[in-house]
Amino acid sequence: MSHLTTEKKVFYYEMEGSRYLFADERIKMHLLERIGELRQRDGWLLFAFCITDDRAYFVIEAARIAGVIRALQSAVRKQLQQPETSRVSQKAKVELSGRMKQLNTLPEIADCCREIHQVPLRCGYVCRLEDYWWSSYPSYAGFHQWDVVDPRLLSMYFSIDPGTARKKLRQFHAAKSEFHTTEAELFSCANTKDS
């Protein structure tokens, strides 16, 4: 079954900030901790994430996505006001913007999760997907479990057996990760890291 049968909707959301906005690992960790609290309080699900130095990518299931986005942005702003991260926020010139897209089918959700997981690889942060810590891919691949991630929907897309689902998910990601990065993607990633 490829169409979703739920009142809640699934969204891709990209939070974009200025240079080095999320570079401090304490900010990344705080954001993930806050996501855990918000998920429990407000009843939404996180299917995938990836946090780089200037962006955070999410696949979220929620009844009211606007409230989720406001809460995420508020969590980042509050963390940047803390004394231990205030130097980072001064350098970052905190500006948050974002892009959002509704995902309507399971294949679309699976493709979007894979794209999010491959951001660190495309941008040259790592050579293997499993080596990037600030992503939900290690949870799906069985290397580390992030408690904020709900793996059920994506895993069941591949198989109801957890071991088979993990194997197929790894193959699904590996098939796409053998591509050659285009010049435009390299330029975009280089600007993100070096500008």
C-alpha atoms as a PDB file:
ATOM      1  CA  MET A   1       0.000   0.000   0.000  1.00  0.00           C
ATOM      2  CA  SER A   2       1.588   3.243  -1.062  1.00  0.00           C
ATOM      3  CA  HIS A   3      -0.910   5.885   0.103  1.00  0.00           C
ATOM      4  CA  LEU A   4      -1.102   6.959   3.724  1.00  0.00           C
ATOM      5  CA  THR A   5      -4.234   6.199   5.705  1.00  0.00           C
ATOM      6  CA  THR A   6      -4.024   8.635   8.612  1.00  0.00           C
ATOM      7  CA  GLU A   7      -5.582  11.965   9.557  1.00  0.00           C
ATOM      8  CA  LYS A   8      -2.124  13.268  10.330  1.00  0.00           C
ATOM      9  CA  LYS A   9       0.050  14.390   7.446  1.00  0.00           C
ATOM     10  CA  VAL A  10       3.710  13.766   6.751  1.00  0.00           C
ATOM     11  CA  PHE A  11       5.981  16.679   5.890  1.00  0.00           C
ATOM     12  CA  TYR A  12       9.544  17.292   4.839  1.00  0.00           C
ATOM     13  CA  TYR A  13      10.863  20.343   6.693  1.00  0.00           C
ATOM     14  CA  GLU A  14      14.248  21.982   6.244  1.00  0.00           C
ATOM     15  CA  MET A  15      15.318  24.530   8.864  1.00  0.00           C
ATOM     16  CA  GLU A  16      17.963  26.781   7.439  1.00  0.00           C
ATOM     17  CA  GLY A  17      20.162  29.112   9.418  1.00  0.00           C
ATOM     18  CA  SER A  18      23.167  31.235   8.822  1.00  0.00           C
ATOM     19  CA  ARG A  19      26.724  29.943   8.795  1.00  0.00           C
ATOM     20  CA  TYR A  20      27.665  27.676  11.713  1.00  0.00           C
ATOM     21  CA  LEU A  21      24.192  27.924  13.281  1.00  0.00           C
ATOM     22  CA  PHE A  22      24.255  24.273  14.397  1.00  0.00           C
ATOM     23  CA  ALA A  23      28.050  23.823  14.343  1.00  0.00           C
ATOM     24  CA  ASP A  24      28.254  23.480  18.131  1.00  0.00           C
ATOM     25  CA  GLU A  25      27.392  19.887  18.978  1.00  0.00           C
ATOM     26  CA  ARG A  26      25.683  21.057  22.179  1.00  0.00           C
ATOM     27  CA  ILE A  27      23.135  22.855  20.013  1.00  0.00           C
ATOM     28  CA  LYS A  28      22.563  19.725  17.928  1.00  0.00           C
ATOM     29  CA  MET A  29      22.112  17.614  21.064  1.00  0.00           C
ATOM     30  CA  HIS A  30      19.824  20.169  22.693  1.00  0.00           C
ATOM     31  CA  LEU A  31      17.669  20.280  19.559  1.00  0.00           C
ATOM     32  CA  LEU A  32      17.304  16.478  19.594  1.00  0.00           C
ATOM     33  CA  GLU A  33      16.506  16.461  23.318  1.00  0.00           C
ATOM     34  CA  ARG A  34      13.908  19.175  22.804  1.00  0.00           C
ATOM     35  CA  ILE A  35      12.405  17.248  19.884  1.00  0.00           C
ATOM     36  CA  GLY A  36      11.972  14.273  22.230  1.00  0.00           C
ATOM     37  CA  GLU A  37      10.113  16.458  24.741  1.00  0.00           C
ATOM     38  CA  LEU A  38       7.959  18.135  22.089  1.00  0.00           C
ATOM     39  CA  ARG A  39       7.036  14.818  20.454  1.00  0.00           C
ATOM     40  CA  GLN A  40       5.788  13.408  23.742  1.00  0.00           C
ATOM     41  CA  ARG A  41       3.951  16.587  24.704  1.00  0.00           C
ATOM     42  CA  ASP A  42       2.298  17.297  21.350  1.00  0.00           C
ATOM     43  CA  GLY A  43       1.925  13.796  19.895  1.00  0.00           C
ATOM     44  CA  TRP A  44       3.800  14.067  16.604  1.00  0.00           C
ATOM     45  CA  LEU A  45       6.328  11.662  15.104  1.00  0.00           C
ATOM     46  CA  LEU A  46       9.801  12.111  13.642  1.00  0.00           C
ATOM     47  CA  PHE A  47      10.648   9.598  10.906  1.00  0.00           C
ATOM     48  CA  ALA A  48      14.036  10.998   9.849  1.00  0.00           C
ATOM     49  CA  PHE A  49      16.466  13.811  10.600  1.00  0.00           C
ATOM     50  CA  CYS A  50      19.882  15.134   9.704  1.00  0.00           C
ATOM     51  CA  ILE A  51      21.560  18.148  11.308  1.00  0.00           C
ATOM     52  CA  THR A  52      24.543  19.798   9.609  1.00  0.00           C
ATOM     53  CA  ASP A  53      26.376  22.987  10.592  1.00  0.00           C
ATOM     54  CA  ASP A  54      23.834  25.342   9.049  1.00  0.00           C
ATOM     55  CA  ARG A  55      20.691  23.262   8.399  1.00  0.00           C
ATOM     56  CA  ALA A  56      18.424  20.708   9.977  1.00  0.00           C
ATOM     57  CA  TYR A  57      16.293  18.361   7.888  1.00  0.00           C
ATOM     58  CA  PHE A  58      13.254  16.471   9.158  1.00  0.00           C
ATOM     59  CA  VAL A  59      10.472  14.132   8.051  1.00  0.00           C
ATOM     60  CA  ILE A  60       7.619  14.726  10.501  1.00  0.00           C
ATOM     61  CA  GLU A  61       4.116  13.339  10.902  1.00  0.00           C
ATOM     62  CA  ALA A  62       1.847  15.875  12.599  1.00  0.00           C
ATOM     63  CA  ALA A  63      -1.716  17.110  12.594  1.00  0.00           C
ATOM     64  CA  ARG A  64      -0.555  20.749  12.797  1.00  0.00           C
ATOM     65  CA  ILE A  65       2.877  21.241  11.254  1.00  0.00           C
ATOM     66  CA  ALA A  66       2.939  25.026  11.802  1.00  0.00           C
ATOM     67  CA  GLY A  67       2.969  24.523  15.588  1.00  0.00           C
ATOM     68  CA  VAL A  68       5.760  21.951  15.323  1.00  0.00           C
ATOM     69  CA  ILE A  69       7.881  24.321  13.233  1.00  0.00           C
ATOM     70  CA  ARG A  70       7.359  27.213  15.654  1.00  0.00           C
ATOM     71  CA  ALA A  71       8.352  24.968  18.586  1.00  0.00           C
ATOM     72  CA  LEU A  72      11.512  23.761  16.804  1.00  0.00           C
ATOM     73  CA  GLN A  73      12.586  27.282  15.902  1.00  0.00           C
ATOM     74  CA  SER A  74      11.882  28.469  19.443  1.00  0.00           C
ATOM     75  CA  ALA A  75      14.022  25.635  20.862  1.00  0.00           C
ATOM     76  CA  VAL A  76      16.960  26.663  18.658  1.00  0.00           C
ATOM     77  CA  ARG A  77      16.645  30.352  19.567  1.00  0.00           C
ATOM     78  CA  LYS A  78      16.468  29.600  23.297  1.00  0.00           C
ATOM     79  CA  GLN A  79      19.543  27.361  23.140  1.00  0.00           C
ATOM     80  CA  LEU A  80      21.502  30.033  21.300  1.00  0.00           C
ATOM     81  CA  GLN A  81      20.755  32.483  24.121  1.00  0.00           C
ATOM     82  CA  GLN A  82      22.401  30.214  26.709  1.00  0.00           C
ATOM     83  CA  PRO A  83      25.772  31.508  28.020  1.00  0.00           C
ATOM     84  CA  GLU A  84      27.707  28.455  26.814  1.00  0.00           C
ATOM     85  CA  THR A  85      26.495  28.907  23.231  1.00  0.00           C
ATOM     86  CA  SER A  86      26.113  32.685  23.041  1.00  0.00           C
ATOM     87  CA  ARG A  87      29.482  33.079  21.279  1.00  0.00           C
ATOM     88  CA  VAL A  88      28.324  30.687  18.590  1.00  0.00           C
ATOM     89  CA  SER A  89      25.041  32.545  18.161  1.00  0.00           C
ATOM     90  CA  GLN A  90      26.842  35.886  17.822  1.00  0.00           C
ATOM     91  CA  LYS A  91      28.959  34.456  15.004  1.00  0.00           C
ATOM     92  CA  ALA A  92      25.964  32.754  13.464  1.00  0.00           C
ATOM     93  CA  LYS A  93      23.806  35.904  13.182  1.00  0.00           C
ATOM     94  CA  VAL A  94      20.759  33.851  14.017  1.00  0.00           C
ATOM     95  CA  GLU A  95      18.395  33.799  11.087  1.00  0.00           C
ATOM     96  CA  LEU A  96      16.003  30.915  10.747  1.00  0.00           C
ATOM     97  CA  SER A  97      14.034  30.183   7.645  1.00  0.00           C
ATOM     98  CA  GLY A  98      12.647  27.000   6.266  1.00  0.00           C
ATOM     99  CA  ARG A  99      11.137  25.031   3.443  1.00  0.00           C
ATOM    100  CA  MET A 100       8.325  22.578   3.774  1.00  0.00           C
ATOM    101  CA  LYS A 101       6.682  20.021   1.500  1.00  0.00           C
ATOM    102  CA  GLN A 102       3.891  17.561   2.166  1.00  0.00           C
ATOM    103  CA  LEU A 103       4.676  13.905   1.420  1.00  0.00           C
ATOM    104  CA  ASN A 104       1.648  11.897   0.321  1.00  0.00           C
ATOM    105  CA  THR A 105       2.852   8.337  -0.335  1.00  0.00           C
ATOM    106  CA  LEU A 106       5.121   5.817   1.363  1.00  0.00           C
ATOM    107  CA  PRO A 107       7.576   5.722  -1.589  1.00  0.00           C
ATOM    108  CA  GLU A 108       7.779   9.523  -1.436  1.00  0.00           C
ATOM    109  CA  ILE A 109       8.496   9.371   2.317  1.00  0.00           C
ATOM    110  CA  ALA A 110      11.144   6.652   1.824  1.00  0.00           C
ATOM    111  CA  ASP A 111      12.866   8.666  -0.934  1.00  0.00           C
ATOM    112  CA  CYS A 112      12.817  11.822   1.177  1.00  0.00           C
ATOM    113  CA  CYS A 113      14.288  10.006   4.203  1.00  0.00           C
ATOM    114  CA  ARG A 114      17.046   8.612   1.985  1.00  0.00           C
ATOM    115  CA  GLU A 115      17.813  12.080   0.583  1.00  0.00           C
ATOM    116  CA  ILE A 116      18.036  13.502   4.102  1.00  0.00           C
ATOM    117  CA  HIS A 117      20.334  10.701   5.243  1.00  0.00           C
ATOM    118  CA  GLN A 118      22.632  11.293   2.270  1.00  0.00           C
ATOM    119  CA  VAL A 119      23.185  15.006   2.887  1.00  0.00           C
ATOM    120  CA  PRO A 120      26.428  14.467   4.905  1.00  0.00           C
ATOM    121  CA  LEU A 121      27.782  12.168   2.186  1.00  0.00           C
ATOM    122  CA  ARG A 122      26.949  14.578  -0.651  1.00  0.00           C
ATOM    123  CA  CYS A 123      28.477  17.502   1.246  1.00  0.00           C
ATOM    124  CA  GLY A 124      31.693  15.651   2.045  1.00  0.00           C
ATOM    125  CA  TYR A 125      31.291  15.436   5.827  1.00  0.00           C
ATOM    126  CA  VAL A 126      31.808  11.653   5.729  1.00  0.00           C
ATOM    127  CA  CYS A 127      32.628   8.853   3.281  1.00  0.00           C
ATOM    128  CA  ARG A 128      30.037   6.416   4.652  1.00  0.00           C
ATOM    129  CA  LEU A 129      26.475   7.160   5.753  1.00  0.00           C
ATOM    130  CA  GLU A 130      26.853   5.317   9.047  1.00  0.00           C
ATOM    131  CA  ASP A 131      29.779   7.551  10.068  1.00  0.00           C
ATOM    132  CA  TYR A 132      27.667  10.671  10.456  1.00  0.00           C
ATOM    133  CA  TRP A 133      26.429  10.867  14.031  1.00  0.00           C
ATOM    134  CA  TRP A 134      23.804  13.634  13.677  1.00  0.00           C
ATOM    135  CA  SER A 135      21.440  11.695  11.434  1.00  0.00           C
ATOM    136  CA  SER A 136      18.718   9.108  11.911  1.00  0.00           C
ATOM    137  CA  TYR A 137      20.413   6.732   9.453  1.00  0.00           C
ATOM    138  CA  PRO A 138      22.431   4.934  12.200  1.00  0.00           C
ATOM    139  CA  SER A 139      19.127   4.157  13.951  1.00  0.00           C
ATOM    140  CA  TYR A 140      17.697   2.548  10.829  1.00  0.00           C
ATOM    141  CA  ALA A 141      20.911   0.710   9.996  1.00  0.00           C
ATOM    142  CA  GLY A 142      21.213  -0.701  13.525  1.00  0.00           C
ATOM    143  CA  PHE A 143      24.383   1.152  14.587  1.00  0.00           C
ATOM    144  CA  HIS A 144      22.869   3.526  17.179  1.00  0.00           C
ATOM    145  CA  GLN A 145      19.338   4.168  18.392  1.00  0.00           C
ATOM    146  CA  TRP A 146      18.161   7.760  18.572  1.00  0.00           C
ATOM    147  CA  ASP A 147      15.118   7.740  20.850  1.00  0.00           C
ATOM    148  CA  VAL A 148      13.546  10.689  19.003  1.00  0.00           C
ATOM    149  CA  VAL A 149      13.127   8.654  15.803  1.00  0.00           C
ATOM    150  CA  ASP A 150      10.067   6.502  15.210  1.00  0.00           C
ATOM    151  CA  PRO A 151      11.330   3.874  12.716  1.00  0.00           C
ATOM    152  CA  ARG A 152       8.088   1.890  12.331  1.00  0.00           C
ATOM    153  CA  LEU A 153       6.626   3.469   9.193  1.00  0.00           C
ATOM    154  CA  LEU A 154       9.825   3.455   7.136  1.00  0.00           C
ATOM    155  CA  SER A 155      10.914   0.019   8.367  1.00  0.00           C
ATOM    156  CA  MET A 156       7.527  -1.532   7.594  1.00  0.00           C
ATOM    157  CA  TYR A 157       7.722  -0.090   4.093  1.00  0.00           C
ATOM    158  CA  PHE A 158      10.552  -2.574   3.482  1.00  0.00           C
ATOM    159  CA  SER A 159       9.412  -5.548   5.592  1.00  0.00           C
ATOM    160  CA  ILE A 160       7.488  -6.485   8.725  1.00  0.00           C
ATOM    161  CA  ASP A 161      10.543  -8.466   9.859  1.00  0.00           C
ATOM    162  CA  PRO A 162      12.987  -6.018  11.553  1.00  0.00           C
ATOM    163  CA  GLY A 163      16.128  -7.798  10.310  1.00  0.00           C
ATOM    164  CA  THR A 164      14.891  -7.950   6.730  1.00  0.00           C
ATOM    165  CA  ALA A 165      13.717  -4.330   6.894  1.00  0.00           C
ATOM    166  CA  ARG A 166      17.147  -3.194   8.106  1.00  0.00           C
ATOM    167  CA  LYS A 167      18.913  -5.117   5.330  1.00  0.00           C
ATOM    168  CA  LYS A 168      16.591  -3.772   2.612  1.00  0.00           C
ATOM    169  CA  LEU A 169      16.853  -0.235   3.980  1.00  0.00           C
ATOM    170  CA  ARG A 170      20.670  -0.403   3.841  1.00  0.00           C
ATOM    171  CA  GLN A 171      20.470  -1.659   0.244  1.00  0.00           C
ATOM    172  CA  PHE A 172      17.994   1.100  -0.611  1.00  0.00           C
ATOM    173  CA  HIS A 173      20.423   3.736   0.717  1.00  0.00           C
ATOM    174  CA  ALA A 174      23.520   2.100  -0.801  1.00  0.00           C
ATOM    175  CA  ALA A 175      22.010   1.993  -4.294  1.00  0.00           C
ATOM    176  CA  LYS A 176      21.604   5.771  -4.243  1.00  0.00           C
ATOM    177  CA  SER A 177      24.891   6.570  -2.472  1.00  0.00           C
ATOM    178  CA  GLU A 178      27.009   5.246  -5.350  1.00  0.00           C
ATOM    179  CA  PHE A 179      26.021   8.189  -7.553  1.00  0.00           C
ATOM    180  CA  HIS A 180      28.475  10.826  -8.755  1.00  0.00           C
ATOM    181  CA  THR A 181      27.846  14.187  -7.175  1.00  0.00           C
ATOM    182  CA  THR A 182      27.080  16.865  -9.738  1.00  0.00           C
ATOM    183  CA  GLU A 183      29.120  20.034  -9.962  1.00  0.00           C
ATOM    184  CA  ALA A 184      26.119  22.075  -8.781  1.00  0.00           C
ATOM    185  CA  GLU A 185      25.733  19.890  -5.656  1.00  0.00           C
ATOM    186  CA  LEU A 186      29.448  20.184  -4.876  1.00  0.00           C
ATOM    187  CA  PHE A 187      29.270  23.969  -5.253  1.00  0.00           C
ATOM    188  CA  SER A 188      26.221  24.133  -2.994  1.00  0.00           C
ATOM    189  CA  CYS A 189      27.870  21.992  -0.314  1.00  0.00           C
ATOM    190  CA  ALA A 190      31.166  23.878  -0.566  1.00  0.00           C
ATOM    191  CA  ASN A 191      29.352  27.168  -0.049  1.00  0.00           C
ATOM    192  CA  THR A 192      27.580  25.715   2.954  1.00  0.00           C
ATOM    193  CA  LYS A 193      30.807  24.548   4.584  1.00  0.00           C
ATOM    194  CA  ASP A 194      33.258  27.274   3.577  1.00  0.00           C
ATOM    195  CA  SER A 195      31.357  30.533   3.243  1.00  0.00           C
END
